[in-house]
Amino acid sequence: MVEVKAEDLPGAVPLQIALDLESGKELREVSVAPSGGSWTFETGVPVDRVGVNEDRGLLAWVKR
């Protein structure tokens, strides 16, 4: 599950989430509400790493 906590968003904003899989990187785009949100992604295989906002369009930190 990916959980996003948001601060000072003017409205819903798009956020790209990168799932690193054995077969390569899979990109998903979600819409983050001003209150934040959480998403579960079904991949069928283990996820090696989760990255958010790799294009640096929004300031984001990854906490494990």
PDB file of N, CA and C in Angstrom:
ATOM      1  N   MET A   1       0.847  -1.171   0.000  1.00  0.00           N
ATOM      2  CA  MET A   1       0.000   0.000   0.000  1.00  0.00           C
ATOM      3  C   MET A   1       0.893   1.234   0.000  1.00  0.00           C
ATOM      4  N   VAL A   2       0.486   2.227  -0.759  1.00  0.00           N
ATOM      5  CA  VAL A   2       1.180   3.508  -0.809  1.00  0.00           C
ATOM      6  C   VAL A   2       0.265   4.528  -0.149  1.00  0.00           C
ATOM      7  N   GLU A   3       0.767   5.214   0.863  1.00  0.00           N
ATOM      8  CA  GLU A   3      -0.006   6.235   1.565  1.00  0.00           C
ATOM      9  C   GLU A   3       0.667   7.582   1.361  1.00  0.00           C
ATOM     10  N   VAL A   4      -0.133   8.590   1.037  1.00  0.00           N
ATOM     11  CA  VAL A   4       0.386   9.934   0.803  1.00  0.00           C
ATOM     12  C   VAL A   4      -0.286  10.892   1.772  1.00  0.00           C
ATOM     13  N   LYS A   5       0.535  11.644   2.483  1.00  0.00           N
ATOM     14  CA  LYS A   5       0.039  12.720   3.339  1.00  0.00           C
ATOM     15  C   LYS A   5       0.353  14.025   2.626  1.00  0.00           C
ATOM     16  N   ALA A   6      -0.629  14.894   2.542  1.00  0.00           N
ATOM     17  CA  ALA A   6      -0.466  16.127   1.774  1.00  0.00           C
ATOM     18  C   ALA A   6      -0.496  17.352   2.685  1.00  0.00           C
ATOM     19  N   GLU A   7       0.209  18.396   2.244  1.00  0.00           N
ATOM     20  CA  GLU A   7       0.202  19.682   2.945  1.00  0.00           C
ATOM     21  C   GLU A   7       0.015  20.798   1.935  1.00  0.00           C
ATOM     22  N   ASP A   8      -0.898  21.681   2.212  1.00  0.00           N
ATOM     23  CA  ASP A   8      -1.082  22.918   1.444  1.00  0.00           C
ATOM     24  C   ASP A   8      -1.324  22.708  -0.045  1.00  0.00           C
ATOM     25  N   LEU A   9      -2.027  21.653  -0.411  1.00  0.00           N
ATOM     26  CA  LEU A   9      -2.363  21.479  -1.824  1.00  0.00           C
ATOM     27  C   LEU A   9      -3.570  22.357  -2.156  1.00  0.00           C
ATOM     28  N   PRO A  10      -3.562  23.017  -3.307  1.00  0.00           N
ATOM     29  CA  PRO A  10      -4.679  23.884  -3.678  1.00  0.00           C
ATOM     30  C   PRO A  10      -5.916  23.104  -4.135  1.00  0.00           C
ATOM     31  N   GLY A  11      -5.737  21.848  -4.436  1.00  0.00           N
ATOM     32  CA  GLY A  11      -6.800  20.969  -4.918  1.00  0.00           C
ATOM     33  C   GLY A  11      -6.173  19.630  -5.249  1.00  0.00           C
ATOM     34  N   ALA A  12      -6.914  18.779  -5.931  1.00  0.00           N
ATOM     35  CA  ALA A  12      -6.366  17.475  -6.323  1.00  0.00           C
ATOM     36  C   ALA A  12      -5.230  17.681  -7.321  1.00  0.00           C
ATOM     37  N   VAL A  13      -4.153  16.918  -7.155  1.00  0.00           N
ATOM     38  CA  VAL A  13      -3.002  17.008  -8.058  1.00  0.00           C
ATOM     39  C   VAL A  13      -2.589  15.599  -8.486  1.00  0.00           C
ATOM     40  N   PRO A  14      -2.078  15.452  -9.715  1.00  0.00           N
ATOM     41  CA  PRO A  14      -1.616  14.140 -10.166  1.00  0.00           C
ATOM     42  C   PRO A  14      -0.268  13.800  -9.537  1.00  0.00           C
ATOM     43  N   LEU A  15      -0.073  12.532  -9.258  1.00  0.00           N
ATOM     44  CA  LEU A  15       1.189  12.056  -8.698  1.00  0.00           C
ATOM     45  C   LEU A  15       1.541  10.748  -9.386  1.00  0.00           C
ATOM     46  N   GLN A  16       2.774  10.642  -9.845  1.00  0.00           N
ATOM     47  CA  GLN A  16       3.230   9.421 -10.499  1.00  0.00           C
ATOM     48  C   GLN A  16       3.923   8.533  -9.469  1.00  0.00           C
ATOM     49  N   ILE A  17       3.521   7.275  -9.430  1.00  0.00           N
ATOM     50  CA  ILE A  17       4.109   6.286  -8.532  1.00  0.00           C
ATOM     51  C   ILE A  17       4.790   5.235  -9.400  1.00  0.00           C
ATOM     52  N   ALA A  18       6.078   4.991  -9.131  1.00  0.00           N
ATOM     53  CA  ALA A  18       6.859   4.021  -9.899  1.00  0.00           C
ATOM     54  C   ALA A  18       7.033   2.754  -9.071  1.00  0.00           C
ATOM     55  N   LEU A  19       6.653   1.625  -9.639  1.00  0.00           N
ATOM     56  CA  LEU A  19       6.815   0.327  -8.992  1.00  0.00           C
ATOM     57  C   LEU A  19       7.932  -0.405  -9.718  1.00  0.00           C
ATOM     58  N   ASP A  20       9.022  -0.678  -9.033  1.00  0.00           N
ATOM     59  CA  ASP A  20      10.131  -1.421  -9.640  1.00  0.00           C
ATOM     60  C   ASP A  20       9.873  -2.908  -9.452  1.00  0.00           C
ATOM     61  N   LEU A  21       9.705  -3.594 -10.570  1.00  0.00           N
ATOM     62  CA  LEU A  21       9.437  -5.026 -10.582  1.00  0.00           C
ATOM     63  C   LEU A  21      10.614  -5.739 -11.224  1.00  0.00           C
ATOM     64  N   GLU A  22      10.673  -7.043 -11.057  1.00  0.00           N
ATOM     65  CA  GLU A  22      11.740  -7.831 -11.681  1.00  0.00           C
ATOM     66  C   GLU A  22      11.751  -7.631 -13.197  1.00  0.00           C
ATOM     67  N   SER A  23      10.576  -7.457 -13.781  1.00  0.00           N
ATOM     68  CA  SER A  23      10.463  -7.306 -15.234  1.00  0.00           C
ATOM     69  C   SER A  23      10.664  -5.868 -15.714  1.00  0.00           C
ATOM     70  N   GLY A  24      10.856  -4.938 -14.795  1.00  0.00           N
ATOM     71  CA  GLY A  24      11.050  -3.538 -15.175  1.00  0.00           C
ATOM     72  C   GLY A  24      10.202  -2.611 -14.325  1.00  0.00           C
ATOM     73  N   LYS A  25      10.188  -1.357 -14.706  1.00  0.00           N
ATOM     74  CA  LYS A  25       9.465  -0.340 -13.949  1.00  0.00           C
ATOM     75  C   LYS A  25       8.047  -0.196 -14.492  1.00  0.00           C
ATOM     76  N   GLU A  26       7.092  -0.136 -13.576  1.00  0.00           N
ATOM     77  CA  GLU A  26       5.695   0.070 -13.939  1.00  0.00           C
ATOM     78  C   GLU A  26       5.253   1.393 -13.327  1.00  0.00           C
ATOM     79  N   LEU A  27       4.741   2.300 -14.151  1.00  0.00           N
ATOM     80  CA  LEU A  27       4.325   3.614 -13.676  1.00  0.00           C
ATOM     81  C   LEU A  27       2.816   3.664 -13.516  1.00  0.00           C
ATOM     82  N   ARG A  28       2.384   4.240 -12.417  1.00  0.00           N
ATOM     83  CA  ARG A  28       0.957   4.436 -12.155  1.00  0.00           C
ATOM     84  C   ARG A  28       0.752   5.905 -11.813  1.00  0.00           C
ATOM     85  N   GLU A  29      -0.353   6.466 -12.255  1.00  0.00           N
ATOM     86  CA  GLU A  29      -0.664   7.845 -11.910  1.00  0.00           C
ATOM     87  C   GLU A  29      -1.938   7.864 -11.081  1.00  0.00           C
ATOM     88  N   VAL A  30      -1.892   8.590  -9.973  1.00  0.00           N
ATOM     89  CA  VAL A  30      -3.036   8.718  -9.083  1.00  0.00           C
ATOM     90  C   VAL A  30      -3.334  10.200  -8.910  1.00  0.00           C
ATOM     91  N   SER A  31      -4.482  10.491  -8.357  1.00  0.00           N
ATOM     92  CA  SER A  31      -4.857  11.860  -8.042  1.00  0.00           C
ATOM     93  C   SER A  31      -4.854  11.998  -6.525  1.00  0.00           C
ATOM     94  N   VAL A  32      -4.052  12.937  -6.024  1.00  0.00           N
ATOM     95  CA  VAL A  32      -3.941  13.145  -4.576  1.00  0.00           C
ATOM     96  C   VAL A  32      -4.854  14.296  -4.179  1.00  0.00           C
ATOM     97  N   ALA A  33      -5.773  14.027  -3.272  1.00  0.00           N
ATOM     98  CA  ALA A  33      -6.665  15.059  -2.748  1.00  0.00           C
ATOM     99  C   ALA A  33      -5.898  15.932  -1.753  1.00  0.00           C
ATOM    100  N   PRO A  34      -6.393  17.119  -1.448  1.00  0.00           N
ATOM    101  CA  PRO A  34      -5.727  17.966  -0.450  1.00  0.00           C
ATOM    102  C   PRO A  34      -5.544  17.269   0.901  1.00  0.00           C
ATOM    103  N   SER A  35      -6.391  16.284   1.196  1.00  0.00           N
ATOM    104  CA  SER A  35      -6.272  15.546   2.455  1.00  0.00           C
ATOM    105  C   SER A  35      -5.325  14.355   2.349  1.00  0.00           C
ATOM    106  N   GLY A  36      -4.794  14.068   1.149  1.00  0.00           N
ATOM    107  CA  GLY A  36      -3.912  12.914   0.944  1.00  0.00           C
ATOM    108  C   GLY A  36      -4.704  11.732   0.429  1.00  0.00           C
ATOM    109  N   GLY A  37      -4.138  10.539   0.547  1.00  0.00           N
ATOM    110  CA  GLY A  37      -4.835   9.345   0.091  1.00  0.00           C
ATOM    111  C   GLY A  37      -3.968   8.115   0.220  1.00  0.00           C
ATOM    112  N   SER A  38      -4.549   6.956  -0.093  1.00  0.00           N
ATOM    113  CA  SER A  38      -3.784   5.709  -0.084  1.00  0.00           C
ATOM    114  C   SER A  38      -4.280   4.831  -1.225  1.00  0.00           C
ATOM    115  N   TRP A  39      -3.354   4.034  -1.768  1.00  0.00           N
ATOM    116  CA  TRP A  39      -3.641   3.193  -2.917  1.00  0.00           C
ATOM    117  C   TRP A  39      -2.954   1.850  -2.742  1.00  0.00           C
ATOM    118  N   THR A  40      -3.613   0.800  -3.209  1.00  0.00           N
ATOM    119  CA  THR A  40      -3.040  -0.535  -3.257  1.00  0.00           C
ATOM    120  C   THR A  40      -2.963  -0.939  -4.727  1.00  0.00           C
ATOM    121  N   PHE A  41      -1.801  -1.425  -5.143  1.00  0.00           N
ATOM    122  CA  PHE A  41      -1.593  -1.804  -6.534  1.00  0.00           C
ATOM    123  C   PHE A  41      -1.371  -3.305  -6.619  1.00  0.00           C
ATOM    124  N   GLU A  42      -2.152  -3.969  -7.455  1.00  0.00           N
ATOM    125  CA  GLU A  42      -1.992  -5.400  -7.700  1.00  0.00           C
ATOM    126  C   GLU A  42      -1.003  -5.577  -8.845  1.00  0.00           C
ATOM    127  N   THR A  43       0.085  -6.285  -8.591  1.00  0.00           N
ATOM    128  CA  THR A  43       1.091  -6.492  -9.628  1.00  0.00           C
ATOM    129  C   THR A  43       1.258  -7.962  -9.991  1.00  0.00           C
ATOM    130  N   GLY A  44       0.880  -8.858  -9.104  1.00  0.00           N
ATOM    131  CA  GLY A  44       1.056 -10.287  -9.363  1.00  0.00           C
ATOM    132  C   GLY A  44       2.456 -10.792  -9.061  1.00  0.00           C
ATOM    133  N   VAL A  45       3.379  -9.871  -8.819  1.00  0.00           N
ATOM    134  CA  VAL A  45       4.765 -10.223  -8.485  1.00  0.00           C
ATOM    135  C   VAL A  45       5.243  -9.273  -7.390  1.00  0.00           C
ATOM    136  N   PRO A  46       6.316  -9.651  -6.673  1.00  0.00           N
ATOM    137  CA  PRO A  46       6.829  -8.763  -5.631  1.00  0.00           C
ATOM    138  C   PRO A  46       7.337  -7.432  -6.203  1.00  0.00           C
ATOM    139  N   VAL A  47       7.162  -6.383  -5.431  1.00  0.00           N
ATOM    140  CA  VAL A  47       7.661  -5.053  -5.798  1.00  0.00           C
ATOM    141  C   VAL A  47       8.986  -4.838  -5.074  1.00  0.00           C
ATOM    142  N   ASP A  48      10.037  -4.539  -5.836  1.00  0.00           N
ATOM    143  CA  ASP A  48      11.361  -4.326  -5.246  1.00  0.00           C
ATOM    144  C   ASP A  48      11.492  -2.948  -4.603  1.00  0.00           C
ATOM    145  N   ARG A  49      10.876  -1.953  -5.216  1.00  0.00           N
ATOM    146  CA  ARG A  49      11.020  -0.579  -4.733  1.00  0.00           C
ATOM    147  C   ARG A  49       9.822   0.233  -5.211  1.00  0.00           C
ATOM    148  N   VAL A  50       9.408   1.192  -4.386  1.00  0.00           N
ATOM    149  CA  VAL A  50       8.352   2.127  -4.764  1.00  0.00           C
ATOM    150  C   VAL A  50       8.958   3.517  -4.776  1.00  0.00           C
ATOM    151  N   GLY A  51       8.747   4.233  -5.846  1.00  0.00           N
ATOM    152  CA  GLY A  51       9.220   5.611  -5.944  1.00  0.00           C
ATOM    153  C   GLY A  51       8.042   6.523  -6.211  1.00  0.00           C
ATOM    154  N   VAL A  52       8.094   7.722  -5.678  1.00  0.00           N
ATOM    155  CA  VAL A  52       7.049   8.705  -5.957  1.00  0.00           C
ATOM    156  C   VAL A  52       7.686   9.951  -6.536  1.00  0.00           C
ATOM    157  N   ASN A  53       6.977  10.513  -7.473  1.00  0.00           N
ATOM    158  CA  ASN A  53       7.370  11.804  -8.013  1.00  0.00           C
ATOM    159  C   ASN A  53       8.787  11.831  -8.548  1.00  0.00           C
ATOM    160  N   GLU A  54       9.165  10.838  -9.295  1.00  0.00           N
ATOM    161  CA  GLU A  54      10.529  10.791  -9.821  1.00  0.00           C
ATOM    162  C   GLU A  54      10.790  11.885 -10.852  1.00  0.00           C
ATOM    163  N   ASP A  55       9.712  12.504 -11.385  1.00  0.00           N
ATOM    164  CA  ASP A  55       9.909  13.616 -12.318  1.00  0.00           C
ATOM    165  C   ASP A  55      10.076  14.945 -11.585  1.00  0.00           C
ATOM    166  N   ARG A  56       9.979  14.935 -10.271  1.00  0.00           N
ATOM    167  CA  ARG A  56      10.166  16.115  -9.414  1.00  0.00           C
ATOM    168  C   ARG A  56       9.123  17.209  -9.641  1.00  0.00           C
ATOM    169  N   GLY A  57       7.939  16.832 -10.134  1.00  0.00           N
ATOM    170  CA  GLY A  57       6.866  17.802 -10.329  1.00  0.00           C
ATOM    171  C   GLY A  57       6.280  18.295  -9.018  1.00  0.00           C
ATOM    172  N   LEU A  58       6.367  17.480  -7.980  1.00  0.00           N
ATOM    173  CA  LEU A  58       5.938  17.841  -6.630  1.00  0.00           C
ATOM    174  C   LEU A  58       7.039  17.439  -5.669  1.00  0.00           C
ATOM    175  N   LEU A  59       7.156  18.156  -4.596  1.00  0.00           N
ATOM    176  CA  LEU A  59       8.121  17.792  -3.565  1.00  0.00           C
ATOM    177  C   LEU A  59       7.557  16.604  -2.794  1.00  0.00           C
ATOM    178  N   ALA A  60       8.316  15.509  -2.716  1.00  0.00           N
ATOM    179  CA  ALA A  60       7.830  14.305  -2.045  1.00  0.00           C
ATOM    180  C   ALA A  60       8.978  13.607  -1.328  1.00  0.00           C
ATOM    181  N   TRP A  61       8.669  12.985  -0.204  1.00  0.00           N
ATOM    182  CA  TRP A  61       9.627  12.169   0.539  1.00  0.00           C
ATOM    183  C   TRP A  61       9.081  10.758   0.614  1.00  0.00           C
ATOM    184  N   VAL A  62       9.969   9.794   0.580  1.00  0.00           N
ATOM    185  CA  VAL A  62       9.582   8.393   0.730  1.00  0.00           C
ATOM    186  C   VAL A  62       9.972   7.950   2.124  1.00  0.00           C
ATOM    187  N   LYS A  63       9.003   7.455   2.864  1.00  0.00           N
ATOM    188  CA  LYS A  63       9.248   6.943   4.214  1.00  0.00           C
ATOM    189  C   LYS A  63       8.864   5.478   4.207  1.00  0.00           C
ATOM    190  N   ARG A  64       9.781   4.621   4.668  1.00  0.00           N
ATOM    191  CA  ARG A  64       9.508   3.184   4.674  1.00  0.00           C
ATOM    192  C   ARG A  64       9.156   2.724   6.058  1.00  0.00           C
TER     193      ARG A  64
END
